[in-house]
């Protein structure tokens, strides 16, 4: 199966429409955009989805498997994006059930533009799609943006990410996200000891609730995920939290645009 590619993740890709000057908040810096795929992770794993991957990230995780994608990209006006979406019929697909997943990198780095993009989408197509947003829990979301997001896929980074704790652990922002009734916290697991870190920093502090936790095996290949899977499932059962896999990696590996 091939997803429908809207914007390719190559720095040499030429936009089909050139535009004049616009305010920064009316432009999105996009790494790739595709539809007719599935959400591979989290509480909505398996749901048909379109992915709008925005350029840039505030962290530098050692095991990140999209680094080569989010580090590049181009600026697109909303009109350009809507034109590209119309060509492949994406608005109708979103109307009938595909989720729109805003991912990165760190999509909240561009949250004012994201908010304006959603508002313009609603004006143009007369509905708001089911929107998921994936974030690393280091940037506080705007209240106006929260109103439009159907599912918050939060991914706090543990020490296994290689980031300094003062960079990736922001209790006040975590509390804001945890207070949302459509918010989940997905932790990448590489070893048994990481539950102690989750318990110490997130559960014992009362920042998030146990029912919001999802454990996911780290792995950028099918073989890596399979090697970690049983350990993570056992951890999830023992501590009575949710488990998820990385279905897109199992099916398509590191292929981009799918």
C-alpha atoms as a PDB file:
ATOM      1  CA  UNK A   1       0.000   0.000   0.000  1.00  0.00           C
ATOM      2  CA  UNK A   2       1.174   3.525  -0.793  1.00  0.00           C
ATOM      3  CA  UNK A   3      -0.051   6.597   1.046  1.00  0.00           C
ATOM      4  CA  UNK A   4      -1.079   9.624  -0.998  1.00  0.00           C
ATOM      5  CA  UNK A   5       1.866  12.031  -0.917  1.00  0.00           C
ATOM      6  CA  UNK A   6       0.876  15.694  -0.776  1.00  0.00           C
ATOM      7  CA  UNK A   7       4.242  17.267   0.068  1.00  0.00           C
ATOM      8  CA  UNK A   8       7.424  15.261  -0.317  1.00  0.00           C
ATOM      9  CA  UNK A   9      10.072  15.345   2.380  1.00  0.00           C
ATOM     10  CA  UNK A  10      12.863  16.596   0.139  1.00  0.00           C
ATOM     11  CA  UNK A  11      14.494  20.032   0.404  1.00  0.00           C
ATOM     12  CA  UNK A  12      14.564  20.354  -3.382  1.00  0.00           C
ATOM     13  CA  UNK A  13      10.795  19.975  -3.746  1.00  0.00           C
ATOM     14  CA  UNK A  14       9.365  22.943  -5.649  1.00  0.00           C
ATOM     15  CA  UNK A  15       6.058  24.392  -4.486  1.00  0.00           C
ATOM     16  CA  UNK A  16       3.411  24.455  -7.206  1.00  0.00           C
ATOM     17  CA  UNK A  17       2.263  27.957  -6.292  1.00  0.00           C
ATOM     18  CA  UNK A  18       4.526  30.881  -5.489  1.00  0.00           C
ATOM     19  CA  UNK A  19       3.103  33.511  -3.176  1.00  0.00           C
ATOM     20  CA  UNK A  20       3.842  37.065  -2.146  1.00  0.00           C
ATOM     21  CA  UNK A  21       4.726  38.278   1.312  1.00  0.00           C
ATOM     22  CA  UNK A  22       2.459  37.160   4.168  1.00  0.00           C
ATOM     23  CA  UNK A  23       2.687  37.508   7.952  1.00  0.00           C
ATOM     24  CA  UNK A  24       4.677  34.721   9.603  1.00  0.00           C
ATOM     25  CA  UNK A  25       1.562  33.466  11.384  1.00  0.00           C
ATOM     26  CA  UNK A  26      -0.081  32.731   8.015  1.00  0.00           C
ATOM     27  CA  UNK A  27       2.636  30.350   6.830  1.00  0.00           C
ATOM     28  CA  UNK A  28       3.452  26.813   7.916  1.00  0.00           C
ATOM     29  CA  UNK A  29       6.931  25.364   7.554  1.00  0.00           C
ATOM     30  CA  UNK A  30       6.211  21.838   6.349  1.00  0.00           C
ATOM     31  CA  UNK A  31       8.503  18.824   6.102  1.00  0.00           C
ATOM     32  CA  UNK A  32       5.995  16.391   4.599  1.00  0.00           C
ATOM     33  CA  UNK A  33       2.254  15.966   4.191  1.00  0.00           C
ATOM     34  CA  UNK A  34       0.479  12.747   3.242  1.00  0.00           C
ATOM     35  CA  UNK A  35      -2.879  11.020   3.662  1.00  0.00           C
ATOM     36  CA  UNK A  36      -4.459   7.557   3.200  1.00  0.00           C
ATOM     37  CA  UNK A  37      -2.259   6.084   5.916  1.00  0.00           C
ATOM     38  CA  UNK A  38      -3.013   5.011   9.500  1.00  0.00           C
ATOM     39  CA  UNK A  39      -2.137   6.363  12.906  1.00  0.00           C
ATOM     40  CA  UNK A  40       0.564   3.940  13.999  1.00  0.00           C
ATOM     41  CA  UNK A  41       0.856   4.821  17.700  1.00  0.00           C
ATOM     42  CA  UNK A  42      -1.104   5.844  20.746  1.00  0.00           C
ATOM     43  CA  UNK A  43      -4.730   5.556  21.728  1.00  0.00           C
ATOM     44  CA  UNK A  44      -5.940   5.897  18.107  1.00  0.00           C
ATOM     45  CA  UNK A  45      -3.560   3.339  16.593  1.00  0.00           C
ATOM     46  CA  UNK A  46      -5.040   1.834  13.444  1.00  0.00           C
ATOM     47  CA  UNK A  47      -7.325   4.753  12.569  1.00  0.00           C
ATOM     48  CA  UNK A  48      -7.077   6.071   8.959  1.00  0.00           C
ATOM     49  CA  UNK A  49      -5.057   9.262   9.055  1.00  0.00           C
ATOM     50  CA  UNK A  50      -3.379  12.111   7.226  1.00  0.00           C
ATOM     51  CA  UNK A  51      -0.099  13.466   8.587  1.00  0.00           C
ATOM     52  CA  UNK A  52       1.017  17.087   8.410  1.00  0.00           C
ATOM     53  CA  UNK A  53       4.622  17.036   9.644  1.00  0.00           C
ATOM     54  CA  UNK A  54       5.972  20.452  10.566  1.00  0.00           C
ATOM     55  CA  UNK A  55       9.618  21.430  10.395  1.00  0.00           C
ATOM     56  CA  UNK A  56      11.808  21.769  13.481  1.00  0.00           C
ATOM     57  CA  UNK A  57      12.115  20.289  16.969  1.00  0.00           C
ATOM     58  CA  UNK A  58      13.172  21.652  20.354  1.00  0.00           C
ATOM     59  CA  UNK A  59      14.719  18.338  21.471  1.00  0.00           C
ATOM     60  CA  UNK A  60      17.380  16.010  20.106  1.00  0.00           C
ATOM     61  CA  UNK A  61      16.437  12.430  20.972  1.00  0.00           C
ATOM     62  CA  UNK A  62      19.103   9.832  20.315  1.00  0.00           C
ATOM     63  CA  UNK A  63      16.597   7.300  18.954  1.00  0.00           C
ATOM     64  CA  UNK A  64      14.464   9.683  16.855  1.00  0.00           C
ATOM     65  CA  UNK A  65      13.601   8.035  13.528  1.00  0.00           C
ATOM     66  CA  UNK A  66      12.268  11.162  11.756  1.00  0.00           C
ATOM     67  CA  UNK A  67      15.288  13.432  12.228  1.00  0.00           C
ATOM     68  CA  UNK A  68      16.143  13.395   8.545  1.00  0.00           C
ATOM     69  CA  UNK A  69      12.604  14.562   7.770  1.00  0.00           C
ATOM     70  CA  UNK A  70      11.734  17.317  10.287  1.00  0.00           C
ATOM     71  CA  UNK A  71      15.114  19.036   9.904  1.00  0.00           C
ATOM     72  CA  UNK A  72      14.190  20.051   6.381  1.00  0.00           C
ATOM     73  CA  UNK A  73      11.144  21.551   4.747  1.00  0.00           C
ATOM     74  CA  UNK A  74       9.670  24.602   3.046  1.00  0.00           C
ATOM     75  CA  UNK A  75       7.284  27.436   3.926  1.00  0.00           C
ATOM     76  CA  UNK A  76       3.753  27.038   2.560  1.00  0.00           C
ATOM     77  CA  UNK A  77       0.885  29.490   2.633  1.00  0.00           C
ATOM     78  CA  UNK A  78      -2.502  28.187   3.692  1.00  0.00           C
ATOM     79  CA  UNK A  79      -3.802  28.742   0.149  1.00  0.00           C
ATOM     80  CA  UNK A  80      -1.025  26.534  -1.218  1.00  0.00           C
ATOM     81  CA  UNK A  81      -1.773  23.792   1.291  1.00  0.00           C
ATOM     82  CA  UNK A  82      -5.502  23.903   0.591  1.00  0.00           C
ATOM     83  CA  UNK A  83      -4.850  23.687  -3.153  1.00  0.00           C
ATOM     84  CA  UNK A  84      -2.673  20.613  -2.649  1.00  0.00           C
ATOM     85  CA  UNK A  85      -5.282  19.071  -0.355  1.00  0.00           C
ATOM     86  CA  UNK A  86      -8.043  19.646  -2.903  1.00  0.00           C
ATOM     87  CA  UNK A  87      -6.058  17.866  -5.619  1.00  0.00           C
ATOM     88  CA  UNK A  88      -6.116  14.581  -3.671  1.00  0.00           C
ATOM     89  CA  UNK A  89      -9.579  15.041  -2.142  1.00  0.00           C
ATOM     90  CA  UNK A  90      -8.288  15.207   1.417  1.00  0.00           C
ATOM     91  CA  UNK A  91     -11.031  17.501   2.808  1.00  0.00           C
ATOM     92  CA  UNK A  92     -13.684  14.920   1.875  1.00  0.00           C
ATOM     93  CA  UNK A  93     -11.586  12.141   3.417  1.00  0.00           C
ATOM     94  CA  UNK A  94     -11.282  14.136   6.642  1.00  0.00           C
ATOM     95  CA  UNK A  95     -15.026  14.776   6.615  1.00  0.00           C
ATOM     96  CA  UNK A  96     -15.672  11.032   6.438  1.00  0.00           C
ATOM     97  CA  UNK A  97     -13.302   9.832   9.134  1.00  0.00           C
ATOM     98  CA  UNK A  98      -9.601  10.247   8.422  1.00  0.00           C
ATOM     99  CA  UNK A  99      -7.845  11.958  11.305  1.00  0.00           C
ATOM    100  CA  UNK A 100      -5.570  14.929  10.687  1.00  0.00           C
ATOM    101  CA  UNK A 101      -2.394  14.315  12.702  1.00  0.00           C
ATOM    102  CA  UNK A 102      -0.205  17.362  13.312  1.00  0.00           C
ATOM    103  CA  UNK A 103       3.263  16.094  14.083  1.00  0.00           C
ATOM    104  CA  UNK A 104       6.926  17.002  13.904  1.00  0.00           C
ATOM    105  CA  UNK A 105       9.426  17.578  15.281  1.00  0.00           C
ATOM    106  CA  UNK A 106       7.634  20.016  17.562  1.00  0.00           C
ATOM    107  CA  UNK A 107       4.401  21.257  15.956  1.00  0.00           C
ATOM    108  CA  UNK A 108       3.697  23.622  18.857  1.00  0.00           C
ATOM    109  CA  UNK A 109       6.710  25.692  17.791  1.00  0.00           C
ATOM    110  CA  UNK A 110       4.331  26.965  15.087  1.00  0.00           C
ATOM    111  CA  UNK A 111       1.138  26.934  17.138  1.00  0.00           C
ATOM    112  CA  UNK A 112      -0.060  30.415  16.159  1.00  0.00           C
ATOM    113  CA  UNK A 113       0.186  29.408  12.510  1.00  0.00           C
ATOM    114  CA  UNK A 114      -1.467  26.067  13.305  1.00  0.00           C
ATOM    115  CA  UNK A 115      -4.356  27.896  14.976  1.00  0.00           C
ATOM    116  CA  UNK A 116      -4.764  30.218  11.994  1.00  0.00           C
ATOM    117  CA  UNK A 117      -4.562  27.264   9.607  1.00  0.00           C
ATOM    118  CA  UNK A 118      -7.368  25.429  11.431  1.00  0.00           C
ATOM    119  CA  UNK A 119      -9.548  28.549  11.450  1.00  0.00           C
ATOM    120  CA  UNK A 120      -9.003  29.060   7.732  1.00  0.00           C
ATOM    121  CA  UNK A 121      -9.723  25.368   7.063  1.00  0.00           C
ATOM    122  CA  UNK A 122     -13.062  25.684   8.873  1.00  0.00           C
ATOM    123  CA  UNK A 123     -13.956  28.836   6.926  1.00  0.00           C
ATOM    124  CA  UNK A 124     -13.121  27.167   3.615  1.00  0.00           C
ATOM    125  CA  UNK A 125     -14.647  23.714   4.164  1.00  0.00           C
ATOM    126  CA  UNK A 126     -17.345  24.416   6.811  1.00  0.00           C
ATOM    127  CA  UNK A 127     -16.256  21.733   9.275  1.00  0.00           C
ATOM    128  CA  UNK A 128     -13.480  20.972  11.710  1.00  0.00           C
ATOM    129  CA  UNK A 129     -11.803  17.571  11.215  1.00  0.00           C
ATOM    130  CA  UNK A 130     -10.765  15.229  14.007  1.00  0.00           C
ATOM    131  CA  UNK A 131      -7.350  16.670  14.839  1.00  0.00           C
ATOM    132  CA  UNK A 132      -4.602  14.905  16.770  1.00  0.00           C
ATOM    133  CA  UNK A 133      -1.497  16.760  17.823  1.00  0.00           C
ATOM    134  CA  UNK A 134       1.756  15.091  18.811  1.00  0.00           C
ATOM    135  CA  UNK A 135       4.090  16.995  21.085  1.00  0.00           C
ATOM    136  CA  UNK A 136       7.049  16.556  23.430  1.00  0.00           C
ATOM    137  CA  UNK A 137       5.483  18.417  26.418  1.00  0.00           C
ATOM    138  CA  UNK A 138       7.916  21.340  26.544  1.00  0.00           C
ATOM    139  CA  UNK A 139       5.728  24.093  25.017  1.00  0.00           C
ATOM    140  CA  UNK A 140       2.488  25.249  26.619  1.00  0.00           C
ATOM    141  CA  UNK A 141      -0.449  25.107  24.178  1.00  0.00           C
ATOM    142  CA  UNK A 142      -2.540  28.205  23.599  1.00  0.00           C
ATOM    143  CA  UNK A 143      -6.061  28.078  25.047  1.00  0.00           C
ATOM    144  CA  UNK A 144      -7.503  28.952  21.642  1.00  0.00           C
ATOM    145  CA  UNK A 145      -5.737  25.980  20.039  1.00  0.00           C
ATOM    146  CA  UNK A 146      -6.829  23.530  22.750  1.00  0.00           C
ATOM    147  CA  UNK A 147     -10.441  24.132  21.714  1.00  0.00           C
ATOM    148  CA  UNK A 148      -9.884  22.526  18.284  1.00  0.00           C
ATOM    149  CA  UNK A 149      -7.764  19.497  19.217  1.00  0.00           C
ATOM    150  CA  UNK A 150      -9.622  16.182  19.501  1.00  0.00           C
ATOM    151  CA  UNK A 151      -6.702  14.173  20.908  1.00  0.00           C
ATOM    152  CA  UNK A 152      -3.440  15.206  22.556  1.00  0.00           C
ATOM    153  CA  UNK A 153      -0.695  12.631  21.965  1.00  0.00           C
ATOM    154  CA  UNK A 154       1.892  13.760  24.493  1.00  0.00           C
ATOM    155  CA  UNK A 155       5.313  12.140  24.478  1.00  0.00           C
ATOM    156  CA  UNK A 156       7.389  13.190  27.508  1.00  0.00           C
ATOM    157  CA  UNK A 157      11.000  12.207  27.062  1.00  0.00           C
ATOM    158  CA  UNK A 158      12.747   9.984  29.598  1.00  0.00           C
ATOM    159  CA  UNK A 159      16.501   9.845  30.203  1.00  0.00           C
ATOM    160  CA  UNK A 160      16.781   7.187  27.470  1.00  0.00           C
ATOM    161  CA  UNK A 161      16.222   9.995  24.935  1.00  0.00           C
ATOM    162  CA  UNK A 162      19.604  11.529  25.717  1.00  0.00           C
ATOM    163  CA  UNK A 163      18.105  14.943  26.556  1.00  0.00           C
ATOM    164  CA  UNK A 164      18.971  16.758  29.795  1.00  0.00           C
ATOM    165  CA  UNK A 165      16.148  16.531  32.322  1.00  0.00           C
ATOM    166  CA  UNK A 166      15.899  20.326  32.699  1.00  0.00           C
ATOM    167  CA  UNK A 167      15.297  20.569  28.951  1.00  0.00           C
ATOM    168  CA  UNK A 168      12.624  17.898  28.568  1.00  0.00           C
ATOM    169  CA  UNK A 169      10.902  17.822  31.996  1.00  0.00           C
ATOM    170  CA  UNK A 170       8.508  20.773  32.413  1.00  0.00           C
ATOM    171  CA  UNK A 171       6.072  20.047  35.300  1.00  0.00           C
ATOM    172  CA  UNK A 172       3.872  23.117  34.775  1.00  0.00           C
ATOM    173  CA  UNK A 173       3.344  22.307  31.095  1.00  0.00           C
ATOM    174  CA  UNK A 174       2.744  18.630  31.893  1.00  0.00           C
ATOM    175  CA  UNK A 175       0.066  19.622  34.410  1.00  0.00           C
ATOM    176  CA  UNK A 176      -1.646  21.812  31.816  1.00  0.00           C
ATOM    177  CA  UNK A 177      -1.728  18.961  29.314  1.00  0.00           C
ATOM    178  CA  UNK A 178      -2.775  16.383  31.917  1.00  0.00           C
ATOM    179  CA  UNK A 179      -5.810  18.473  32.849  1.00  0.00           C
ATOM    180  CA  UNK A 180      -7.275  18.034  29.357  1.00  0.00           C
ATOM    181  CA  UNK A 181      -9.864  15.245  29.102  1.00  0.00           C
ATOM    182  CA  UNK A 182      -8.525  14.056  25.733  1.00  0.00           C
ATOM    183  CA  UNK A 183      -4.877  13.842  26.719  1.00  0.00           C
ATOM    184  CA  UNK A 184      -2.578  10.811  26.773  1.00  0.00           C
ATOM    185  CA  UNK A 185       1.078  10.374  27.745  1.00  0.00           C
ATOM    186  CA  UNK A 186       3.103   7.952  25.651  1.00  0.00           C
ATOM    187  CA  UNK A 187       6.474   6.854  27.022  1.00  0.00           C
ATOM    188  CA  UNK A 188       9.165   5.235  24.885  1.00  0.00           C
ATOM    189  CA  UNK A 189      10.542   2.225  26.774  1.00  0.00           C
ATOM    190  CA  UNK A 190      13.940   0.589  26.318  1.00  0.00           C
ATOM    191  CA  UNK A 191      14.431  -1.164  29.680  1.00  0.00           C
ATOM    192  CA  UNK A 192      12.682  -2.232  32.892  1.00  0.00           C
ATOM    193  CA  UNK A 193      14.285   0.553  34.959  1.00  0.00           C
ATOM    194  CA  UNK A 194      12.350   3.244  33.104  1.00  0.00           C
ATOM    195  CA  UNK A 195       9.159   2.522  35.039  1.00  0.00           C
ATOM    196  CA  UNK A 196      10.908   3.871  38.162  1.00  0.00           C
ATOM    197  CA  UNK A 197      11.561   7.126  36.307  1.00  0.00           C
ATOM    198  CA  UNK A 198       7.913   7.361  35.213  1.00  0.00           C
ATOM    199  CA  UNK A 199       6.724   6.673  38.752  1.00  0.00           C
ATOM    200  CA  UNK A 200       9.128   9.150  40.356  1.00  0.00           C
ATOM    201  CA  UNK A 201       8.660  12.099  37.989  1.00  0.00           C
ATOM    202  CA  UNK A 202       5.093  11.684  36.760  1.00  0.00           C
ATOM    203  CA  UNK A 203       2.936   9.431  38.964  1.00  0.00           C
ATOM    204  CA  UNK A 204       4.194   9.980  42.504  1.00  0.00           C
ATOM    205  CA  UNK A 205       4.193  13.728  41.887  1.00  0.00           C
ATOM    206  CA  UNK A 206       0.541  13.579  40.825  1.00  0.00           C
ATOM    207  CA  UNK A 207       1.301  15.345  37.560  1.00  0.00           C
ATOM    208  CA  UNK A 208      -0.472  12.732  35.418  1.00  0.00           C
ATOM    209  CA  UNK A 209      -2.894   9.899  36.146  1.00  0.00           C
ATOM    210  CA  UNK A 210      -2.169   6.221  35.625  1.00  0.00           C
ATOM    211  CA  UNK A 211      -5.053   5.862  33.159  1.00  0.00           C
ATOM    212  CA  UNK A 212      -3.410   8.463  30.899  1.00  0.00           C
ATOM    213  CA  UNK A 213      -0.197   6.451  30.483  1.00  0.00           C
ATOM    214  CA  UNK A 214       0.709   4.479  27.365  1.00  0.00           C
ATOM    215  CA  UNK A 215       3.916   2.438  27.168  1.00  0.00           C
ATOM    216  CA  UNK A 216       5.500   1.885  23.759  1.00  0.00           C
ATOM    217  CA  UNK A 217       8.598  -0.125  22.854  1.00  0.00           C
ATOM    218  CA  UNK A 218      11.446   1.868  21.352  1.00  0.00           C
ATOM    219  CA  UNK A 219      12.442   0.728  17.896  1.00  0.00           C
ATOM    220  CA  UNK A 220      13.046   2.178  14.461  1.00  0.00           C
ATOM    221  CA  UNK A 221      12.814  -1.280  12.835  1.00  0.00           C
ATOM    222  CA  UNK A 222      10.384  -4.167  13.099  1.00  0.00           C
ATOM    223  CA  UNK A 223      13.135  -6.301  14.626  1.00  0.00           C
ATOM    224  CA  UNK A 224      13.912  -3.724  17.339  1.00  0.00           C
ATOM    225  CA  UNK A 225      10.249  -3.442  18.295  1.00  0.00           C
ATOM    226  CA  UNK A 226       9.784  -7.187  18.421  1.00  0.00           C
ATOM    227  CA  UNK A 227      12.854  -7.497  20.656  1.00  0.00           C
ATOM    228  CA  UNK A 228      11.383  -5.026  23.187  1.00  0.00           C
ATOM    229  CA  UNK A 229       7.698  -5.809  22.802  1.00  0.00           C
ATOM    230  CA  UNK A 230       7.225  -8.617  25.330  1.00  0.00           C
ATOM    231  CA  UNK A 231       9.109  -6.746  28.063  1.00  0.00           C
ATOM    232  CA  UNK A 232       6.995  -3.621  27.554  1.00  0.00           C
ATOM    233  CA  UNK A 233       3.732  -5.591  27.478  1.00  0.00           C
ATOM    234  CA  UNK A 234       4.659  -7.264  30.764  1.00  0.00           C
ATOM    235  CA  UNK A 235       5.482  -3.853  32.257  1.00  0.00           C
ATOM    236  CA  UNK A 236       2.125  -2.451  31.128  1.00  0.00           C
ATOM    237  CA  UNK A 237       0.224  -5.390  32.618  1.00  0.00           C
ATOM    238  CA  UNK A 238       2.153  -5.263  35.900  1.00  0.00           C
ATOM    239  CA  UNK A 239       1.529  -1.550  36.396  1.00  0.00           C
ATOM    240  CA  UNK A 240      -2.008  -1.547  34.933  1.00  0.00           C
ATOM    241  CA  UNK A 241      -1.423   0.919  32.132  1.00  0.00           C
ATOM    242  CA  UNK A 242      -2.061   0.872  28.401  1.00  0.00           C
ATOM    243  CA  UNK A 243       0.349  -0.592  25.816  1.00  0.00           C
ATOM    244  CA  UNK A 244       0.753   0.372  22.173  1.00  0.00           C
ATOM    245  CA  UNK A 245       3.066  -0.714  19.399  1.00  0.00           C
ATOM    246  CA  UNK A 246       4.463   1.246  16.421  1.00  0.00           C
ATOM    247  CA  UNK A 247       2.354  -0.297  13.684  1.00  0.00           C
ATOM    248  CA  UNK A 248       3.702   1.898  10.884  1.00  0.00           C
ATOM    249  CA  UNK A 249       7.251   0.742  11.648  1.00  0.00           C
ATOM    250  CA  UNK A 250       6.186  -2.909  11.772  1.00  0.00           C
ATOM    251  CA  UNK A 251       4.458  -2.627   8.386  1.00  0.00           C
ATOM    252  CA  UNK A 252       6.603  -0.098   6.486  1.00  0.00           C
ATOM    253  CA  UNK A 253       9.876   0.218   8.417  1.00  0.00           C
ATOM    254  CA  UNK A 254      11.592   3.637   8.179  1.00  0.00           C
ATOM    255  CA  UNK A 255       9.973   4.517   4.860  1.00  0.00           C
ATOM    256  CA  UNK A 256       8.890   8.165   4.880  1.00  0.00           C
ATOM    257  CA  UNK A 257       5.622   9.539   3.577  1.00  0.00           C
ATOM    258  CA  UNK A 258       3.555   6.564   4.751  1.00  0.00           C
END
